[in-house]
Each structure stands twice: as C-alpha cells, then as structure tokens.
C-alpha cells in the first residue's frame, strides 16, 4: 500500500471533465484507488464518488493505492493532480 498527501494543482479541481480523466486513468490499473478529503474517503474508480468529494484547486487530498501495480498507479495519478 502506498499513500501520498498532496495539494491539487488543477485550477478548477476535479470538476466533471477532470474527474472523468482521473477515474479513467485510475481504472487502467488493477490496484485499488482511494481518494480522501477532509476525512471522507471514496473509491477513486467511481466517477460519482470522486465528484461527491468536491475537490477544488488547492485542496489537500490523500491518495491511497494498493495492489500489484500500485507504484505506477500512484505516480500516474499524482502527476495528473499536480501537473495539470
């Protein structure tokens, strides 16, 4: 299991389009992906669950990835959230 805390750099956060891209990327991996904000955790592979977190640009989130391809998964998702 790998975990990272980060501040989302996407200016508009995870609104519909960016959430769809995030979930699409998360679903390419076999690892479980959990995204948390303010103590609330959601399945990072479910678009409506991620949207329920209302992640805005500058929000601090925690990303937890666990599974066979966890290293590449967390690196890919972290890069997306930080470099958009």
Protein backbone atom coordinates (compact mmCIF):
# COMPACT_ATOMS: atom_id res chain seq x y z
CA UNK A 1 0.00 0.00 0.00
CA UNK A 2 1.28 3.44 -0.97
CA UNK A 3 -0.08 6.72 0.35
CA UNK A 4 0.60 10.35 -0.53
CA UNK A 5 -0.83 13.67 0.60
CA UNK A 6 -0.86 16.45 -1.94
CA UNK A 7 -2.39 19.78 -2.79
CA UNK A 8 -4.35 19.60 -6.05
CA UNK A 9 -2.82 21.92 -8.67
CA UNK A 10 -5.62 21.69 -11.24
CA UNK A 11 -7.08 25.23 -11.25
CA UNK A 12 -10.72 24.08 -11.32
CA UNK A 13 -10.09 20.96 -9.26
CA UNK A 14 -11.86 17.73 -10.04
CA UNK A 15 -14.93 19.09 -11.78
CA UNK A 16 -16.70 16.80 -14.27
CA UNK A 17 -14.12 16.71 -17.07
CA UNK A 18 -11.10 16.36 -14.80
CA UNK A 19 -12.87 13.78 -12.65
CA UNK A 20 -13.62 11.72 -15.75
CA UNK A 21 -9.95 11.85 -16.76
CA UNK A 22 -8.79 10.94 -13.23
CA UNK A 23 -11.21 7.99 -12.99
CA UNK A 24 -10.30 6.83 -16.49
CA UNK A 25 -6.63 6.78 -15.52
CA UNK A 26 -7.38 5.04 -12.20
CA UNK A 27 -9.39 2.32 -13.96
CA UNK A 28 -6.43 1.37 -16.15
CA UNK A 29 -4.73 -0.11 -13.09
CA UNK A 30 -5.61 -3.26 -11.18
CA UNK A 31 -4.76 -1.62 -7.85
CA UNK A 32 -7.46 -0.22 -5.58
CA UNK A 33 -7.51 3.59 -5.54
CA UNK A 34 -8.90 5.55 -2.60
CA UNK A 35 -9.08 9.35 -2.59
CA UNK A 36 -9.78 11.22 0.65
CA UNK A 37 -10.58 14.82 1.53
CA UNK A 38 -11.39 16.16 5.00
CA UNK A 39 -11.55 12.63 6.45
CA UNK A 40 -14.02 11.38 3.82
CA UNK A 41 -12.74 8.55 1.63
CA UNK A 42 -14.14 7.46 -1.71
CA UNK A 43 -13.38 4.85 -4.36
CA UNK A 44 -11.18 6.58 -6.94
CA UNK A 45 -12.55 4.38 -9.71
CA UNK A 46 -16.16 5.57 -9.33
CA UNK A 47 -16.85 8.90 -11.03
CA UNK A 48 -19.82 9.90 -8.86
CA UNK A 49 -17.96 9.05 -5.65
CA UNK A 50 -14.99 11.21 -6.65
CA UNK A 51 -17.30 14.07 -7.65
CA UNK A 52 -19.02 13.84 -4.24
CA UNK A 53 -15.73 14.97 -2.64
CA UNK A 54 -15.96 18.38 -4.39
CA UNK A 55 -12.18 18.64 -4.80
CA UNK A 56 -11.18 22.19 -5.74
CA UNK A 57 -7.85 23.56 -6.88
CA UNK A 58 -5.59 23.95 -3.84
CA UNK A 59 -7.46 21.38 -1.73
CA UNK A 60 -5.32 18.90 0.19
CA UNK A 61 -6.20 15.29 -0.51
CA UNK A 62 -4.81 11.90 0.37
CA UNK A 63 -4.35 9.27 -2.29
CA UNK A 64 -4.03 5.61 -1.23
CA UNK A 65 -3.22 2.94 -3.79
CA UNK A 66 -2.87 -0.74 -3.05
CA UNK A 67 -2.23 -3.63 -5.41
CA UNK A 68 0.16 -5.21 -7.89
CA UNK A 69 0.75 -2.05 -9.92
CA UNK A 70 0.49 0.45 -7.06
CA UNK A 71 3.78 2.24 -7.76
CA UNK A 72 2.99 3.17 -11.36
CA UNK A 73 -0.64 3.90 -10.43
CA UNK A 74 0.18 6.36 -7.65
CA UNK A 75 2.87 8.03 -9.77
CA UNK A 76 0.48 8.48 -12.71
CA UNK A 77 -2.41 9.80 -10.62
CA UNK A 78 -0.18 12.08 -8.56
CA UNK A 79 1.34 13.52 -11.73
CA UNK A 80 -2.13 14.21 -13.14
CA UNK A 81 -3.27 16.01 -9.98
CA UNK A 82 -0.08 18.09 -9.71
CA UNK A 83 0.78 18.96 -13.30
CA UNK A 84 -2.47 19.95 -14.99
